[in-house]
N, C-alpha and C. Protein backbone atom coordinates (compact mmCIF):
# COMPACT_ATOMS: atom_id res chain seq x y z
N UNK A 1 -9.45 -16.95 22.13
CA UNK A 1 -8.87 -17.68 21.03
C UNK A 1 -9.35 -17.06 19.71
N UNK A 2 -8.45 -16.86 18.79
CA UNK A 2 -8.80 -16.28 17.49
C UNK A 2 -9.57 -17.28 16.66
N UNK A 3 -10.59 -16.77 15.97
CA UNK A 3 -11.38 -17.64 15.11
C UNK A 3 -10.56 -18.03 13.88
N UNK A 4 -10.86 -19.19 13.35
CA UNK A 4 -10.19 -19.60 12.12
C UNK A 4 -10.72 -18.76 10.97
N UNK A 5 -9.99 -18.75 9.86
CA UNK A 5 -10.39 -17.99 8.68
C UNK A 5 -11.79 -18.40 8.23
N UNK A 6 -12.12 -19.69 8.35
CA UNK A 6 -13.40 -20.20 7.87
C UNK A 6 -14.58 -19.74 8.72
N UNK A 7 -14.34 -19.48 10.02
CA UNK A 7 -15.46 -19.15 10.90
C UNK A 7 -15.55 -17.66 11.22
N UNK A 8 -14.66 -16.87 10.73
CA UNK A 8 -14.73 -15.43 10.97
C UNK A 8 -15.91 -14.84 10.23
N UNK A 9 -16.56 -13.88 10.86
CA UNK A 9 -17.66 -13.19 10.22
C UNK A 9 -17.11 -12.03 9.43
N UNK A 10 -17.47 -11.96 8.21
CA UNK A 10 -17.03 -10.86 7.35
C UNK A 10 -17.95 -9.67 7.61
N UNK A 11 -17.38 -8.59 8.14
CA UNK A 11 -18.19 -7.43 8.48
C UNK A 11 -18.15 -6.35 7.42
N UNK A 12 -17.20 -6.42 6.50
CA UNK A 12 -17.08 -5.39 5.48
C UNK A 12 -17.42 -6.00 4.12
N UNK A 13 -18.71 -6.01 3.80
CA UNK A 13 -19.13 -6.64 2.56
C UNK A 13 -18.76 -5.81 1.33
N UNK A 14 -18.26 -4.58 1.54
CA UNK A 14 -17.88 -3.73 0.42
C UNK A 14 -16.48 -4.05 -0.09
N UNK A 15 -15.78 -4.96 0.56
CA UNK A 15 -14.42 -5.27 0.13
C UNK A 15 -14.33 -6.73 -0.22
N UNK A 16 -13.74 -7.12 -1.29
CA UNK A 16 -13.33 -6.22 -2.37
C UNK A 16 -14.55 -5.72 -3.13
N UNK A 17 -14.38 -4.63 -3.85
CA UNK A 17 -15.51 -4.07 -4.59
C UNK A 17 -16.10 -5.11 -5.54
N UNK A 18 -17.42 -5.08 -5.67
CA UNK A 18 -18.09 -6.08 -6.51
C UNK A 18 -17.69 -5.99 -7.97
N UNK A 19 -17.30 -4.78 -8.41
CA UNK A 19 -16.88 -4.64 -9.81
C UNK A 19 -15.39 -4.90 -10.00
N UNK A 20 -14.71 -5.30 -8.94
CA UNK A 20 -13.28 -5.63 -8.95
C UNK A 20 -12.39 -4.46 -9.32
N UNK A 21 -12.89 -3.24 -9.22
CA UNK A 21 -12.07 -2.07 -9.44
C UNK A 21 -11.60 -1.58 -8.07
N UNK A 22 -10.31 -1.62 -7.86
CA UNK A 22 -9.74 -1.19 -6.59
C UNK A 22 -9.06 0.15 -6.80
N UNK A 23 -9.50 1.14 -6.05
CA UNK A 23 -8.83 2.44 -6.10
C UNK A 23 -7.86 2.52 -4.94
N UNK A 24 -6.91 3.40 -5.04
CA UNK A 24 -5.96 3.60 -3.95
C UNK A 24 -6.70 4.08 -2.70
N UNK A 25 -7.64 5.00 -2.88
CA UNK A 25 -8.42 5.51 -1.74
C UNK A 25 -9.26 4.39 -1.12
N UNK A 26 -9.86 3.55 -1.97
CA UNK A 26 -10.65 2.44 -1.46
C UNK A 26 -9.80 1.44 -0.68
N UNK A 27 -8.61 1.14 -1.20
CA UNK A 27 -7.72 0.22 -0.51
C UNK A 27 -7.27 0.80 0.83
N UNK A 28 -6.93 2.09 0.84
CA UNK A 28 -6.51 2.72 2.08
C UNK A 28 -7.65 2.70 3.10
N UNK A 29 -8.87 2.91 2.64
CA UNK A 29 -10.03 2.86 3.51
C UNK A 29 -10.23 1.44 4.07
N UNK A 30 -10.04 0.43 3.22
CA UNK A 30 -10.14 -0.95 3.68
C UNK A 30 -9.09 -1.23 4.76
N UNK A 31 -7.86 -0.81 4.53
CA UNK A 31 -6.79 -1.02 5.51
C UNK A 31 -7.15 -0.33 6.83
N UNK A 32 -7.70 0.87 6.75
CA UNK A 32 -8.12 1.60 7.95
C UNK A 32 -9.20 0.81 8.70
N UNK A 33 -10.21 0.31 7.97
CA UNK A 33 -11.29 -0.43 8.60
C UNK A 33 -10.79 -1.74 9.21
N UNK A 34 -9.91 -2.42 8.51
CA UNK A 34 -9.45 -3.74 8.95
C UNK A 34 -8.42 -3.67 10.07
N UNK A 35 -7.52 -2.68 10.01
CA UNK A 35 -6.38 -2.66 10.91
C UNK A 35 -6.16 -1.33 11.64
N UNK A 36 -7.04 -0.36 11.44
CA UNK A 36 -6.82 0.99 11.95
C UNK A 36 -6.56 1.09 13.43
N UNK A 37 -7.33 0.38 14.25
CA UNK A 37 -7.11 0.49 15.69
C UNK A 37 -5.77 -0.12 16.09
N UNK A 38 -5.40 -1.23 15.48
CA UNK A 38 -4.08 -1.83 15.75
C UNK A 38 -2.97 -0.90 15.28
N UNK A 39 -3.16 -0.31 14.10
CA UNK A 39 -2.13 0.59 13.55
C UNK A 39 -1.94 1.80 14.45
N UNK A 40 -3.04 2.40 14.89
CA UNK A 40 -2.95 3.57 15.77
C UNK A 40 -2.24 3.21 17.07
N UNK A 41 -2.58 2.06 17.64
CA UNK A 41 -1.95 1.64 18.89
C UNK A 41 -0.45 1.38 18.71
N UNK A 42 -0.08 0.85 17.55
CA UNK A 42 1.32 0.55 17.26
C UNK A 42 2.12 1.83 17.05
N UNK A 43 1.50 2.80 16.38
CA UNK A 43 2.16 4.07 16.12
C UNK A 43 2.98 4.08 14.85
N UNK A 44 3.42 5.27 14.47
CA UNK A 44 4.10 5.40 13.18
C UNK A 44 5.51 4.82 13.17
N UNK A 45 6.24 4.91 14.27
CA UNK A 45 7.62 4.39 14.27
C UNK A 45 7.63 2.88 14.09
N UNK A 46 6.81 2.17 14.85
CA UNK A 46 6.77 0.71 14.74
C UNK A 46 6.19 0.27 13.40
N UNK A 47 5.20 1.01 12.89
CA UNK A 47 4.63 0.69 11.59
C UNK A 47 5.66 0.87 10.50
N UNK A 48 6.46 1.92 10.61
CA UNK A 48 7.54 2.13 9.63
C UNK A 48 8.53 0.96 9.66
N UNK A 49 8.82 0.44 10.84
CA UNK A 49 9.72 -0.71 10.93
C UNK A 49 9.13 -1.93 10.23
N UNK A 50 7.82 -2.15 10.39
CA UNK A 50 7.17 -3.25 9.67
C UNK A 50 7.25 -3.02 8.16
N UNK A 51 7.05 -1.78 7.73
CA UNK A 51 7.14 -1.45 6.30
C UNK A 51 8.54 -1.76 5.78
N UNK A 52 9.56 -1.39 6.53
CA UNK A 52 10.93 -1.66 6.08
C UNK A 52 11.21 -3.16 6.04
N UNK A 53 10.64 -3.91 6.98
CA UNK A 53 10.78 -5.37 6.93
C UNK A 53 10.16 -5.93 5.65
N UNK A 54 9.00 -5.40 5.29
CA UNK A 54 8.35 -5.85 4.05
C UNK A 54 9.18 -5.50 2.83
N UNK A 55 9.87 -4.34 2.85
CA UNK A 55 10.77 -4.01 1.74
C UNK A 55 11.89 -5.04 1.64
N UNK A 56 12.38 -5.50 2.78
CA UNK A 56 13.40 -6.55 2.78
C UNK A 56 12.88 -7.84 2.17
N UNK A 57 11.65 -8.20 2.52
CA UNK A 57 11.04 -9.40 1.94
C UNK A 57 10.80 -9.23 0.44
N UNK A 58 10.45 -8.01 0.04
CA UNK A 58 10.29 -7.72 -1.38
C UNK A 58 11.63 -7.87 -2.10
N UNK A 59 12.70 -7.39 -1.48
CA UNK A 59 14.04 -7.52 -2.09
C UNK A 59 14.39 -8.98 -2.28
N UNK A 60 14.09 -9.82 -1.29
CA UNK A 60 14.38 -11.25 -1.41
C UNK A 60 13.56 -11.87 -2.53
N UNK A 61 12.30 -11.48 -2.64
CA UNK A 61 11.44 -12.01 -3.70
C UNK A 61 11.94 -11.56 -5.08
N UNK A 62 12.45 -10.34 -5.17
CA UNK A 62 13.01 -9.88 -6.45
C UNK A 62 14.22 -10.70 -6.85
N UNK A 63 15.04 -11.07 -5.87
CA UNK A 63 16.24 -11.85 -6.15
C UNK A 63 15.94 -13.28 -6.53
N UNK A 64 15.05 -13.92 -5.77
CA UNK A 64 14.92 -15.36 -5.98
C UNK A 64 13.51 -15.90 -5.77
N UNK A 65 12.53 -15.05 -5.70
CA UNK A 65 11.17 -15.52 -5.49
C UNK A 65 10.44 -15.81 -6.78
N UNK A 66 9.32 -16.47 -6.62
CA UNK A 66 8.46 -16.72 -7.77
C UNK A 66 7.66 -15.45 -8.08
N UNK A 67 7.00 -15.45 -9.19
CA UNK A 67 6.15 -14.30 -9.56
C UNK A 67 5.04 -14.11 -8.53
N UNK A 68 4.47 -15.20 -8.04
CA UNK A 68 3.43 -15.11 -7.01
C UNK A 68 3.98 -14.52 -5.71
N UNK A 69 5.16 -14.96 -5.29
CA UNK A 69 5.77 -14.42 -4.07
C UNK A 69 6.06 -12.94 -4.24
N UNK A 70 6.56 -12.55 -5.40
CA UNK A 70 6.84 -11.15 -5.69
C UNK A 70 5.57 -10.31 -5.58
N UNK A 71 4.50 -10.79 -6.17
CA UNK A 71 3.23 -10.07 -6.12
C UNK A 71 2.72 -9.92 -4.69
N UNK A 72 2.82 -10.98 -3.90
CA UNK A 72 2.35 -10.91 -2.51
C UNK A 72 3.18 -9.94 -1.69
N UNK A 73 4.48 -9.91 -1.91
CA UNK A 73 5.33 -8.96 -1.17
C UNK A 73 5.03 -7.52 -1.58
N UNK A 74 4.75 -7.30 -2.86
CA UNK A 74 4.35 -5.96 -3.30
C UNK A 74 3.05 -5.55 -2.63
N UNK A 75 2.11 -6.48 -2.51
CA UNK A 75 0.85 -6.18 -1.84
C UNK A 75 1.09 -5.84 -0.37
N UNK A 76 2.01 -6.57 0.28
CA UNK A 76 2.32 -6.28 1.68
C UNK A 76 2.92 -4.88 1.84
N UNK A 77 3.84 -4.51 0.95
CA UNK A 77 4.43 -3.18 1.01
C UNK A 77 3.36 -2.11 0.87
N UNK A 78 2.46 -2.31 -0.07
CA UNK A 78 1.37 -1.34 -0.27
C UNK A 78 0.48 -1.25 0.96
N UNK A 79 0.17 -2.39 1.57
CA UNK A 79 -0.69 -2.40 2.76
C UNK A 79 -0.03 -1.68 3.93
N UNK A 80 1.24 -1.94 4.15
CA UNK A 80 1.93 -1.26 5.26
C UNK A 80 2.10 0.23 4.98
N UNK A 81 2.30 0.61 3.73
CA UNK A 81 2.36 2.03 3.38
C UNK A 81 1.01 2.69 3.66
N UNK A 82 -0.07 2.00 3.31
CA UNK A 82 -1.41 2.53 3.59
C UNK A 82 -1.63 2.67 5.09
N UNK A 83 -1.16 1.71 5.87
CA UNK A 83 -1.27 1.81 7.33
C UNK A 83 -0.54 3.04 7.85
N UNK A 84 0.67 3.24 7.37
CA UNK A 84 1.45 4.40 7.80
C UNK A 84 0.77 5.70 7.39
N UNK A 85 0.24 5.74 6.18
CA UNK A 85 -0.47 6.93 5.71
C UNK A 85 -1.70 7.19 6.58
N UNK A 86 -2.42 6.14 6.95
CA UNK A 86 -3.59 6.32 7.81
C UNK A 86 -3.20 6.89 9.17
N UNK A 87 -2.14 6.36 9.75
CA UNK A 87 -1.70 6.85 11.06
C UNK A 87 -1.36 8.34 10.98
N UNK A 88 -0.74 8.75 9.88
CA UNK A 88 -0.31 10.15 9.74
C UNK A 88 -1.32 11.01 8.98
N UNK A 89 -2.52 10.48 8.73
CA UNK A 89 -3.61 11.20 8.07
C UNK A 89 -3.22 11.73 6.69
N UNK A 90 -2.59 10.89 5.91
CA UNK A 90 -2.22 11.22 4.53
C UNK A 90 -3.14 10.46 3.59
N UNK A 91 -3.82 11.17 2.72
CA UNK A 91 -4.66 10.56 1.69
C UNK A 91 -3.73 10.21 0.53
N UNK A 92 -3.42 8.92 0.39
CA UNK A 92 -2.45 8.50 -0.63
C UNK A 92 -2.91 8.83 -2.04
N UNK A 93 -4.20 8.66 -2.33
CA UNK A 93 -4.68 8.96 -3.67
C UNK A 93 -4.50 10.43 -3.99
N UNK A 94 -4.83 11.31 -3.05
CA UNK A 94 -4.65 12.74 -3.26
C UNK A 94 -3.17 13.08 -3.42
N UNK A 95 -2.32 12.43 -2.64
CA UNK A 95 -0.88 12.68 -2.73
C UNK A 95 -0.33 12.25 -4.08
N UNK A 96 -0.76 11.09 -4.56
CA UNK A 96 -0.31 10.60 -5.86
C UNK A 96 -0.75 11.55 -6.97
N UNK A 97 -2.01 11.98 -6.91
CA UNK A 97 -2.51 12.90 -7.94
C UNK A 97 -1.79 14.24 -7.88
N UNK A 98 -1.51 14.72 -6.67
CA UNK A 98 -0.80 16.00 -6.53
C UNK A 98 0.60 15.92 -7.12
N UNK A 99 1.26 14.78 -6.91
CA UNK A 99 2.64 14.66 -7.38
C UNK A 99 2.74 14.21 -8.84
N UNK A 100 1.89 13.27 -9.26
CA UNK A 100 2.03 12.66 -10.58
C UNK A 100 0.85 12.92 -11.51
N UNK A 101 -0.10 13.70 -11.08
CA UNK A 101 -1.31 13.92 -11.86
C UNK A 101 -1.11 14.66 -13.17
N UNK A 102 0.02 15.34 -13.31
CA UNK A 102 0.31 16.04 -14.56
C UNK A 102 1.50 15.43 -15.29
N UNK A 103 1.77 14.18 -14.97
CA UNK A 103 2.90 13.50 -15.61
C UNK A 103 4.11 13.48 -14.70
N UNK A 104 5.26 13.39 -15.31
CA UNK A 104 6.51 13.38 -14.56
C UNK A 104 6.59 14.65 -13.71
N UNK A 105 6.88 14.53 -12.42
CA UNK A 105 6.96 15.72 -11.58
C UNK A 105 8.02 16.73 -12.02
N UNK A 106 9.06 16.25 -12.71
CA UNK A 106 10.14 17.14 -13.14
C UNK A 106 9.87 17.80 -14.48
N UNK A 107 9.47 17.01 -15.48
CA UNK A 107 9.33 17.57 -16.83
C UNK A 107 7.88 17.69 -17.28
N UNK A 108 6.95 17.13 -16.49
CA UNK A 108 5.51 17.16 -16.78
C UNK A 108 5.13 16.42 -18.07
N UNK A 109 5.98 15.55 -18.54
CA UNK A 109 5.70 14.80 -19.76
C UNK A 109 5.28 13.38 -19.44
N UNK A 110 4.50 12.81 -20.37
CA UNK A 110 4.15 11.39 -20.34
C UNK A 110 4.41 10.85 -21.74
N UNK A 111 5.40 9.98 -21.93
CA UNK A 111 6.31 9.46 -20.91
C UNK A 111 7.33 10.52 -20.49
N UNK A 112 7.97 10.22 -19.38
CA UNK A 112 8.98 11.14 -18.84
C UNK A 112 10.08 11.36 -19.87
N UNK A 113 10.46 12.62 -20.04
CA UNK A 113 11.52 12.97 -20.97
C UNK A 113 12.82 13.30 -20.29
N UNK A 114 12.89 13.10 -18.97
CA UNK A 114 14.10 13.41 -18.22
C UNK A 114 15.22 12.41 -18.54
N UNK A 115 16.44 12.85 -18.40
CA UNK A 115 17.58 11.98 -18.54
C UNK A 115 17.47 10.86 -17.51
N UNK A 116 17.96 9.69 -17.84
CA UNK A 116 17.87 8.53 -16.96
C UNK A 116 18.50 8.76 -15.58
N UNK A 117 19.43 9.69 -15.48
CA UNK A 117 20.10 9.96 -14.20
C UNK A 117 19.27 10.86 -13.30
N UNK A 118 18.18 11.45 -13.83
CA UNK A 118 17.35 12.37 -13.06
C UNK A 118 16.29 11.59 -12.33
N UNK A 119 16.17 11.80 -11.02
CA UNK A 119 15.11 11.17 -10.23
C UNK A 119 13.94 12.14 -10.14
N UNK A 120 12.82 11.78 -10.77
CA UNK A 120 11.68 12.71 -10.72
C UNK A 120 11.09 12.83 -9.33
């Protein structure tokens, strides 16, 4: 029988960080520690399906949800993306810096100077 939230032992005292600064790498590491074995067992195809389900829930929250519901769905999307990245050994923070670390990937400007029709 699963323990209730109140009686579970917290084994990762480093989460959330005591200074309340959450990095993408830190969050991905937390997701790995909390769910990594389940994620690996599920595999990338099934994890991607969960991610797409969360995108659907995010779409519903955008249409008619409260601000709190919207925020929670965004958090879910990020968590499932981190799970997928962990399964495929992608460091999300490194990937973000590689793609966006010098500004817009297309024009390298901050803010982006590309025409609105251009997808960076």
